[in-house]
N, C-alpha and C. Protein backbone atom coordinates (compact mmCIF):
# COMPACT_ATOMS: atom_id res chain seq x y z
N MET A 1 230.16 41.55 144.16
CA MET A 1 230.39 40.12 144.01
C MET A 1 230.92 39.56 145.33
N GLN A 2 230.40 38.40 145.68
CA GLN A 2 230.90 37.71 146.85
C GLN A 2 231.69 36.47 146.41
N TYR A 3 232.63 36.10 147.27
CA TYR A 3 233.49 34.96 147.01
C TYR A 3 233.36 34.01 148.18
N THR A 4 233.51 32.71 147.92
CA THR A 4 233.35 31.72 148.97
C THR A 4 234.51 30.73 148.98
N SER A 5 234.66 30.09 150.13
CA SER A 5 235.64 29.02 150.30
C SER A 5 235.21 28.21 151.51
N THR A 6 235.65 26.98 151.59
CA THR A 6 235.32 26.17 152.76
C THR A 6 236.55 26.03 153.66
N TYR A 7 236.25 25.75 154.92
CA TYR A 7 237.28 25.57 155.94
C TYR A 7 236.89 24.34 156.75
N ARG A 8 237.84 23.46 156.95
CA ARG A 8 237.58 22.26 157.75
C ARG A 8 237.99 22.54 159.19
N SER A 9 237.01 22.65 160.06
CA SER A 9 237.27 22.92 161.47
C SER A 9 237.09 21.63 162.27
N PRO A 10 237.56 21.63 163.52
CA PRO A 10 237.33 20.46 164.38
C PRO A 10 235.85 20.23 164.67
N LEU A 11 235.01 21.25 164.40
CA LEU A 11 233.58 21.12 164.67
C LEU A 11 232.77 20.90 163.39
N GLY A 12 233.44 20.73 162.27
CA GLY A 12 232.75 20.50 161.01
C GLY A 12 233.14 21.51 159.95
N THR A 13 232.62 21.30 158.76
CA THR A 13 232.93 22.16 157.63
C THR A 13 232.25 23.51 157.79
N ILE A 14 233.00 24.56 157.46
CA ILE A 14 232.53 25.94 157.54
C ILE A 14 232.58 26.54 156.15
N LEU A 15 231.54 27.26 155.79
CA LEU A 15 231.53 28.03 154.55
C LEU A 15 231.85 29.48 154.89
N LEU A 16 232.85 30.02 154.22
CA LEU A 16 233.24 31.42 154.39
C LEU A 16 232.81 32.18 153.14
N ALA A 17 232.33 33.42 153.35
CA ALA A 17 231.98 34.30 152.23
C ALA A 17 232.57 35.67 152.51
N ALA A 18 232.99 36.35 151.44
CA ALA A 18 233.58 37.68 151.59
C ALA A 18 233.38 38.46 150.29
N ASP A 19 233.51 39.77 150.43
CA ASP A 19 233.55 40.65 149.26
C ASP A 19 234.82 41.49 149.38
N GLU A 20 234.92 42.50 148.56
CA GLU A 20 236.13 43.33 148.56
C GLU A 20 236.32 44.10 149.87
N ILE A 21 235.25 44.27 150.63
CA ILE A 21 235.32 45.02 151.90
C ILE A 21 235.78 44.13 153.04
N GLY A 22 235.23 42.92 153.11
CA GLY A 22 235.58 42.03 154.20
C GLY A 22 234.72 40.78 154.23
N LEU A 23 234.87 40.02 155.29
CA LEU A 23 234.12 38.79 155.48
C LEU A 23 232.64 39.12 155.63
N THR A 24 231.79 38.42 154.87
CA THR A 24 230.34 38.66 154.93
C THR A 24 229.59 37.48 155.53
N GLY A 25 230.23 36.33 155.64
CA GLY A 25 229.55 35.18 156.19
C GLY A 25 230.51 34.10 156.66
N LEU A 26 230.08 33.39 157.70
CA LEU A 26 230.80 32.23 158.22
C LEU A 26 229.75 31.33 158.84
N TRP A 27 229.45 30.23 158.15
CA TRP A 27 228.38 29.34 158.59
C TRP A 27 228.89 27.92 158.69
N PHE A 28 228.45 27.22 159.76
CA PHE A 28 228.69 25.79 159.85
C PHE A 28 227.77 25.10 158.85
N GLU A 29 228.29 24.12 158.13
CA GLU A 29 227.49 23.39 157.17
C GLU A 29 226.25 22.82 157.86
N GLY A 30 225.09 23.08 157.26
CA GLY A 30 223.83 22.55 157.79
C GLY A 30 223.20 23.36 158.90
N GLN A 31 223.81 24.46 159.30
CA GLN A 31 223.24 25.24 160.39
C GLN A 31 221.97 25.96 159.95
N LYS A 32 221.20 26.40 160.92
CA LYS A 32 220.01 27.20 160.65
C LYS A 32 220.47 28.47 159.94
N TYR A 33 219.72 28.90 158.95
CA TYR A 33 220.01 30.09 158.14
C TYR A 33 221.32 29.95 157.35
N PHE A 34 221.70 28.71 157.02
CA PHE A 34 222.94 28.47 156.28
C PHE A 34 222.96 29.29 154.99
N ALA A 35 223.99 30.10 154.83
CA ALA A 35 224.22 30.91 153.62
C ALA A 35 223.03 31.78 153.24
N LEU A 36 222.24 32.16 154.24
CA LEU A 36 221.09 33.03 153.99
C LEU A 36 221.58 34.34 153.37
N HIS A 37 220.94 34.77 152.33
CA HIS A 37 221.25 35.99 151.59
C HIS A 37 222.53 35.91 150.76
N LEU A 38 223.16 34.76 150.70
CA LEU A 38 224.32 34.60 149.83
C LEU A 38 223.79 34.30 148.43
N GLU A 39 223.99 35.22 147.54
CA GLU A 39 223.43 35.04 146.20
C GLU A 39 224.57 34.80 145.22
N GLU A 40 224.75 35.66 144.26
CA GLU A 40 225.78 35.44 143.26
C GLU A 40 227.16 35.41 143.92
N HIS A 41 227.87 34.31 143.71
CA HIS A 41 229.20 34.19 144.31
C HIS A 41 230.07 33.27 143.46
N GLU A 42 231.35 33.37 143.72
CA GLU A 42 232.34 32.57 143.01
C GLU A 42 233.29 32.01 144.05
N GLU A 43 233.70 30.76 143.87
CA GLU A 43 234.66 30.17 144.80
C GLU A 43 236.04 30.74 144.49
N LYS A 44 236.60 31.44 145.46
CA LYS A 44 237.90 32.10 145.26
C LYS A 44 238.46 32.52 146.61
N GLU A 45 239.76 32.33 146.79
CA GLU A 45 240.45 32.72 148.03
C GLU A 45 240.90 34.17 147.93
N ILE A 46 240.05 35.08 148.38
CA ILE A 46 240.45 36.48 148.39
C ILE A 46 241.07 36.79 149.75
N PRO A 47 241.76 37.94 149.91
CA PRO A 47 242.46 38.23 151.16
C PRO A 47 241.62 38.11 152.43
N ALA A 48 240.38 38.57 152.43
CA ALA A 48 239.56 38.48 153.65
C ALA A 48 239.32 37.03 154.04
N ILE A 49 239.16 36.16 153.07
CA ILE A 49 238.96 34.74 153.36
C ILE A 49 240.26 34.12 153.87
N GLN A 50 241.37 34.48 153.27
CA GLN A 50 242.66 33.97 153.74
C GLN A 50 242.92 34.40 155.18
N GLU A 51 242.60 35.65 155.51
CA GLU A 51 242.78 36.15 156.88
C GLU A 51 241.86 35.41 157.85
N ALA A 52 240.61 35.17 157.42
CA ALA A 52 239.67 34.45 158.27
C ALA A 52 240.17 33.03 158.55
N LYS A 53 240.72 32.37 157.55
CA LYS A 53 241.25 31.02 157.76
C LYS A 53 242.44 31.03 158.71
N ARG A 54 243.30 32.03 158.59
CA ARG A 54 244.44 32.15 159.50
C ARG A 54 243.94 32.38 160.94
N TRP A 55 242.91 33.23 161.08
CA TRP A 55 242.30 33.52 162.38
C TRP A 55 241.71 32.23 162.96
N LEU A 56 240.97 31.49 162.15
CA LEU A 56 240.35 30.24 162.61
C LEU A 56 241.40 29.19 163.00
N ASP A 57 242.50 29.12 162.26
CA ASP A 57 243.58 28.19 162.64
C ASP A 57 244.07 28.48 164.05
N LEU A 58 244.32 29.76 164.34
CA LEU A 58 244.76 30.14 165.69
C LEU A 58 243.68 29.83 166.72
N TYR A 59 242.46 30.22 166.42
CA TYR A 59 241.35 30.04 167.35
C TYR A 59 241.17 28.57 167.71
N PHE A 60 241.13 27.71 166.71
CA PHE A 60 240.90 26.29 166.97
C PHE A 60 242.13 25.59 167.56
N SER A 61 243.29 26.26 167.57
CA SER A 61 244.45 25.70 168.25
C SER A 61 244.43 26.06 169.74
N GLY A 62 243.39 26.79 170.16
CA GLY A 62 243.25 27.15 171.57
C GLY A 62 243.86 28.48 171.92
N LYS A 63 244.24 29.26 170.92
CA LYS A 63 244.84 30.57 171.17
C LYS A 63 243.86 31.67 170.80
N GLU A 64 243.95 32.77 171.52
CA GLU A 64 243.14 33.94 171.18
C GLU A 64 243.83 34.67 170.04
N PRO A 65 243.20 34.75 168.87
CA PRO A 65 243.83 35.48 167.76
C PRO A 65 244.12 36.92 168.13
N ASP A 66 245.30 37.41 167.72
CA ASP A 66 245.74 38.75 168.11
C ASP A 66 245.61 39.75 166.97
N PHE A 67 244.73 39.46 166.03
CA PHE A 67 244.49 40.39 164.93
C PHE A 67 243.02 40.30 164.54
N LYS A 68 242.55 41.31 163.84
CA LYS A 68 241.16 41.37 163.41
C LYS A 68 241.06 41.06 161.93
N VAL A 69 240.04 40.33 161.58
CA VAL A 69 239.71 40.05 160.18
C VAL A 69 238.79 41.17 159.71
N PRO A 70 239.01 41.71 158.51
CA PRO A 70 238.08 42.73 158.02
C PRO A 70 236.69 42.13 157.84
N LEU A 71 235.70 42.81 158.40
CA LEU A 71 234.31 42.33 158.33
C LEU A 71 233.46 43.30 157.53
N HIS A 72 232.45 42.76 156.87
CA HIS A 72 231.46 43.57 156.18
C HIS A 72 230.10 43.05 156.66
N LEU A 73 229.58 43.69 157.71
CA LEU A 73 228.32 43.26 158.31
C LEU A 73 227.16 43.68 157.41
N LEU A 74 226.40 42.71 156.95
CA LEU A 74 225.26 42.96 156.07
C LEU A 74 223.98 42.60 156.81
N GLY A 75 223.14 43.59 157.06
CA GLY A 75 221.89 43.35 157.76
C GLY A 75 221.19 44.67 158.01
N THR A 76 220.14 44.62 158.82
CA THR A 76 219.43 45.84 159.16
C THR A 76 220.27 46.67 160.14
N THR A 77 219.89 47.90 160.31
CA THR A 77 220.60 48.75 161.27
C THR A 77 220.54 48.14 162.67
N PHE A 78 219.38 47.63 163.06
CA PHE A 78 219.23 47.02 164.38
C PHE A 78 220.16 45.81 164.50
N GLN A 79 220.17 44.93 163.49
CA GLN A 79 221.04 43.77 163.55
C GLN A 79 222.51 44.19 163.67
N LYS A 80 222.92 45.15 162.88
CA LYS A 80 224.32 45.59 162.92
C LYS A 80 224.66 46.20 164.28
N ASP A 81 223.72 46.92 164.89
CA ASP A 81 223.96 47.46 166.24
C ASP A 81 224.19 46.33 167.24
N VAL A 82 223.36 45.28 167.15
CA VAL A 82 223.52 44.13 168.05
C VAL A 82 224.85 43.43 167.77
N TRP A 83 225.15 43.19 166.50
CA TRP A 83 226.38 42.49 166.15
C TRP A 83 227.62 43.27 166.58
N ASN A 84 227.56 44.58 166.50
CA ASN A 84 228.70 45.39 166.97
C ASN A 84 228.89 45.25 168.47
N LEU A 85 227.79 45.08 169.22
CA LEU A 85 227.93 44.82 170.65
C LEU A 85 228.52 43.43 170.90
N LEU A 86 228.17 42.46 170.06
CA LEU A 86 228.76 41.12 170.20
C LEU A 86 230.27 41.17 170.04
N LEU A 87 230.73 42.03 169.12
CA LEU A 87 232.17 42.15 168.88
C LEU A 87 232.93 42.67 170.11
N LYS A 88 232.21 43.26 171.05
CA LYS A 88 232.85 43.80 172.26
C LYS A 88 232.93 42.78 173.40
N ILE A 89 232.34 41.60 173.22
CA ILE A 89 232.40 40.57 174.27
C ILE A 89 233.79 39.95 174.21
N PRO A 90 234.57 40.06 175.28
CA PRO A 90 235.93 39.54 175.25
C PRO A 90 235.99 38.02 175.11
N TYR A 91 237.08 37.57 174.52
CA TYR A 91 237.38 36.14 174.39
C TYR A 91 237.29 35.50 175.77
N GLY A 92 236.61 34.36 175.86
CA GLY A 92 236.52 33.63 177.12
C GLY A 92 235.49 34.17 178.09
N LYS A 93 234.75 35.20 177.70
CA LYS A 93 233.72 35.79 178.57
C LYS A 93 232.35 35.59 177.93
N THR A 94 231.31 35.70 178.74
CA THR A 94 229.95 35.58 178.24
C THR A 94 229.11 36.75 178.74
N THR A 95 227.96 36.92 178.11
CA THR A 95 226.98 37.91 178.53
C THR A 95 225.60 37.30 178.27
N THR A 96 224.55 38.07 178.53
CA THR A 96 223.20 37.57 178.31
C THR A 96 222.48 38.44 177.27
N TYR A 97 221.41 37.88 176.73
CA TYR A 97 220.59 38.64 175.79
C TYR A 97 220.03 39.89 176.48
N GLY A 98 219.64 39.75 177.73
CA GLY A 98 219.09 40.88 178.48
C GLY A 98 220.12 41.99 178.67
N THR A 99 221.35 41.62 178.95
CA THR A 99 222.41 42.61 179.12
C THR A 99 222.63 43.38 177.82
N ILE A 100 222.66 42.67 176.71
CA ILE A 100 222.83 43.34 175.42
C ILE A 100 221.64 44.26 175.15
N ALA A 101 220.43 43.80 175.47
CA ALA A 101 219.24 44.63 175.27
C ALA A 101 219.34 45.92 176.09
N ARG A 102 219.80 45.82 177.33
CA ARG A 102 219.95 47.02 178.17
C ARG A 102 221.02 47.95 177.62
N GLN A 103 222.14 47.38 177.15
CA GLN A 103 223.21 48.21 176.57
C GLN A 103 222.71 48.96 175.34
N LEU A 104 222.01 48.25 174.47
CA LEU A 104 221.53 48.86 173.24
C LEU A 104 220.46 49.90 173.54
N ALA A 105 219.58 49.62 174.49
CA ALA A 105 218.55 50.60 174.88
C ALA A 105 219.22 51.87 175.38
N ALA A 106 220.25 51.73 176.20
CA ALA A 106 220.96 52.91 176.73
C ALA A 106 221.62 53.69 175.60
N MET A 107 222.22 52.99 174.64
CA MET A 107 222.87 53.66 173.51
C MET A 107 221.85 54.43 172.67
N GLN A 108 220.63 53.92 172.60
CA GLN A 108 219.59 54.55 171.79
C GLN A 108 218.72 55.51 172.58
N GLY A 109 219.02 55.68 173.88
CA GLY A 109 218.23 56.58 174.71
C GLY A 109 216.83 56.07 174.98
N ARG A 110 216.68 54.77 174.99
CA ARG A 110 215.37 54.16 175.25
C ARG A 110 215.35 53.57 176.64
N GLU A 111 214.16 53.48 177.22
CA GLU A 111 214.03 52.89 178.55
C GLU A 111 214.17 51.38 178.52
N HIS A 112 213.67 50.77 177.46
CA HIS A 112 213.62 49.31 177.42
C HIS A 112 213.77 48.83 175.98
N LEU A 113 214.37 47.66 175.85
CA LEU A 113 214.47 46.98 174.56
C LEU A 113 214.30 45.50 174.84
N SER A 114 213.56 44.82 174.02
CA SER A 114 213.24 43.42 174.22
C SER A 114 214.46 42.51 174.05
N ALA A 115 214.68 41.66 175.04
CA ALA A 115 215.75 40.66 174.93
C ALA A 115 215.44 39.68 173.80
N GLN A 116 214.14 39.45 173.54
CA GLN A 116 213.76 38.56 172.45
C GLN A 116 214.13 39.16 171.09
N ALA A 117 213.98 40.49 170.95
CA ALA A 117 214.37 41.15 169.70
C ALA A 117 215.88 41.02 169.51
N VAL A 118 216.63 41.20 170.58
CA VAL A 118 218.08 41.03 170.52
C VAL A 118 218.40 39.59 170.15
N GLY A 119 217.69 38.63 170.74
CA GLY A 119 217.90 37.23 170.42
C GLY A 119 217.68 36.93 168.94
N GLY A 120 216.68 37.58 168.35
CA GLY A 120 216.44 37.40 166.92
C GLY A 120 217.60 37.89 166.08
N ALA A 121 218.15 39.04 166.46
CA ALA A 121 219.30 39.60 165.73
C ALA A 121 220.54 38.72 165.94
N VAL A 122 220.74 38.27 167.17
CA VAL A 122 221.89 37.40 167.45
C VAL A 122 221.77 36.12 166.63
N GLY A 123 220.56 35.56 166.56
CA GLY A 123 220.34 34.32 165.83
C GLY A 123 220.57 34.44 164.32
N HIS A 124 220.44 35.66 163.80
CA HIS A 124 220.65 35.88 162.37
C HIS A 124 222.05 36.41 162.05
N ASN A 125 222.95 36.34 163.03
CA ASN A 125 224.33 36.74 162.81
C ASN A 125 224.91 35.89 161.67
N ARG A 126 225.43 36.54 160.66
CA ARG A 126 225.93 35.83 159.47
C ARG A 126 227.41 35.44 159.60
N ILE A 127 228.08 35.94 160.64
CA ILE A 127 229.53 35.67 160.74
C ILE A 127 229.80 35.01 162.09
N SER A 128 229.41 33.74 162.19
CA SER A 128 229.61 32.99 163.43
C SER A 128 231.08 33.01 163.84
N ILE A 129 231.30 32.81 165.10
CA ILE A 129 232.61 32.71 165.76
C ILE A 129 233.32 34.07 165.78
N LEU A 130 233.60 34.67 164.63
CA LEU A 130 234.29 35.97 164.62
C LEU A 130 233.42 37.07 165.22
N VAL A 131 232.12 37.02 164.94
CA VAL A 131 231.15 37.87 165.64
C VAL A 131 230.54 36.91 166.65
N PRO A 132 231.05 36.95 167.89
CA PRO A 132 230.88 35.83 168.83
C PRO A 132 229.50 35.68 169.47
N CYS A 133 228.53 35.28 168.67
CA CYS A 133 227.18 35.05 169.19
C CYS A 133 227.15 33.85 170.15
N HIS A 134 228.15 32.98 170.07
CA HIS A 134 228.20 31.83 170.98
C HIS A 134 228.45 32.27 172.43
N ARG A 135 228.89 33.50 172.63
CA ARG A 135 229.16 34.00 173.98
C ARG A 135 227.94 34.59 174.66
N VAL A 136 226.78 34.51 174.02
CA VAL A 136 225.55 35.07 174.59
C VAL A 136 224.71 33.93 175.16
N LEU A 137 224.34 34.10 176.44
CA LEU A 137 223.60 33.07 177.17
C LEU A 137 222.22 33.58 177.57
N GLY A 138 221.36 32.63 177.97
CA GLY A 138 220.06 32.99 178.51
C GLY A 138 220.21 33.64 179.88
N ALA A 139 219.13 34.20 180.39
CA ALA A 139 219.16 34.94 181.66
C ALA A 139 219.72 34.10 182.81
N SER A 140 219.45 32.81 182.81
CA SER A 140 219.91 31.94 183.89
C SER A 140 221.29 31.34 183.61
N GLY A 141 221.93 31.81 182.55
CA GLY A 141 223.22 31.26 182.17
C GLY A 141 223.11 30.03 181.29
N SER A 142 221.89 29.76 180.82
CA SER A 142 221.67 28.56 180.00
C SER A 142 222.18 28.77 178.58
N LEU A 143 222.53 27.67 177.94
CA LEU A 143 223.03 27.70 176.57
C LEU A 143 221.85 27.68 175.60
N THR A 144 221.12 28.78 175.56
CA THR A 144 219.96 28.85 174.67
C THR A 144 220.39 29.34 173.31
N GLY A 145 219.75 28.81 172.30
CA GLY A 145 219.89 29.28 170.94
C GLY A 145 221.30 29.39 170.40
N TYR A 146 221.54 28.74 169.30
CA TYR A 146 222.75 28.93 168.51
C TYR A 146 222.47 28.28 167.17
N ALA A 147 222.53 29.08 166.11
CA ALA A 147 222.16 28.58 164.78
C ALA A 147 223.00 27.38 164.37
N GLY A 148 224.23 27.30 164.87
CA GLY A 148 225.11 26.17 164.54
C GLY A 148 224.84 24.94 165.37
N GLY A 149 223.99 25.07 166.39
CA GLY A 149 223.66 23.96 167.27
C GLY A 149 224.26 24.16 168.66
N ILE A 150 223.49 23.79 169.67
CA ILE A 150 223.92 23.97 171.06
C ILE A 150 225.22 23.21 171.33
N ASP A 151 225.41 22.04 170.72
CA ASP A 151 226.63 21.27 170.94
C ASP A 151 227.86 22.06 170.49
N LYS A 152 227.75 22.76 169.37
CA LYS A 152 228.88 23.58 168.89
C LYS A 152 229.09 24.78 169.80
N LYS A 153 228.01 25.39 170.25
CA LYS A 153 228.12 26.53 171.17
C LYS A 153 228.88 26.11 172.43
N GLN A 154 228.52 24.97 172.97
CA GLN A 154 229.18 24.47 174.18
C GLN A 154 230.67 24.22 173.92
N LYS A 155 230.99 23.62 172.78
CA LYS A 155 232.39 23.32 172.47
C LYS A 155 233.20 24.59 172.24
N LEU A 156 232.59 25.61 171.61
CA LEU A 156 233.29 26.88 171.41
C LEU A 156 233.58 27.55 172.75
N LEU A 157 232.61 27.53 173.65
CA LEU A 157 232.83 28.12 174.98
C LEU A 157 233.88 27.35 175.76
N GLN A 158 233.87 26.04 175.67
CA GLN A 158 234.88 25.23 176.34
C GLN A 158 236.26 25.50 175.76
N LEU A 159 236.34 25.63 174.45
CA LEU A 159 237.62 25.93 173.80
C LEU A 159 238.19 27.24 174.35
N GLU A 160 237.37 28.25 174.48
CA GLU A 160 237.85 29.56 174.94
C GLU A 160 238.22 29.55 176.42
N GLN A 161 237.55 28.72 177.20
CA GLN A 161 237.82 28.73 178.63
C GLN A 161 238.96 27.82 179.03
N THR A 162 239.23 26.78 178.25
CA THR A 162 240.26 25.84 178.66
C THR A 162 241.46 25.79 177.73
N GLY A 163 241.33 26.40 176.55
CA GLY A 163 242.42 26.35 175.58
C GLY A 163 242.47 25.06 174.81
N ARG A 164 241.47 24.19 174.97
CA ARG A 164 241.44 22.95 174.19
C ARG A 164 240.00 22.49 174.02
N LEU A 165 239.78 21.67 173.03
CA LEU A 165 238.46 21.11 172.79
C LEU A 165 238.20 19.99 173.78
N PRO A 166 236.95 19.81 174.18
CA PRO A 166 236.64 18.71 175.09
C PRO A 166 236.84 17.37 174.41
N THR A 167 237.11 16.35 175.20
CA THR A 167 237.30 15.01 174.64
C THR A 167 236.00 14.23 174.67
């Protein structure tokens, strides 16, 4: 069983989903793939959701949260491998789809892995912000792709780099 709750962020309403293991989803209202694969659920504040809200309060106040929210990554093995690499991108730092593709190829003992395949997995990340897909840029440093919208991606990156939201 999954449980849901909403969170009012400075960037809009967020839907949180969790099960007994951890957070399973965090989506901006109206984003691409909103609540994809969220089926039977009940609105209820379980501990993982409460922890996620506490984490988001700190994050949106311009502080780097100093604790981890329990996560339950639901997806294919490839997606989970990509998402686990996203979790290693430090607060306030960015990387590229190509860099992640090279890291994952090396981990799997492969010569090459498509940056586009990585981009597909990044785009289907079900736990925005906490699994920081907003920190992944195009090869030229461009703000390509973000299911929540490029404007939100830009504001999240600005928040992490300056400690405040842009005016």
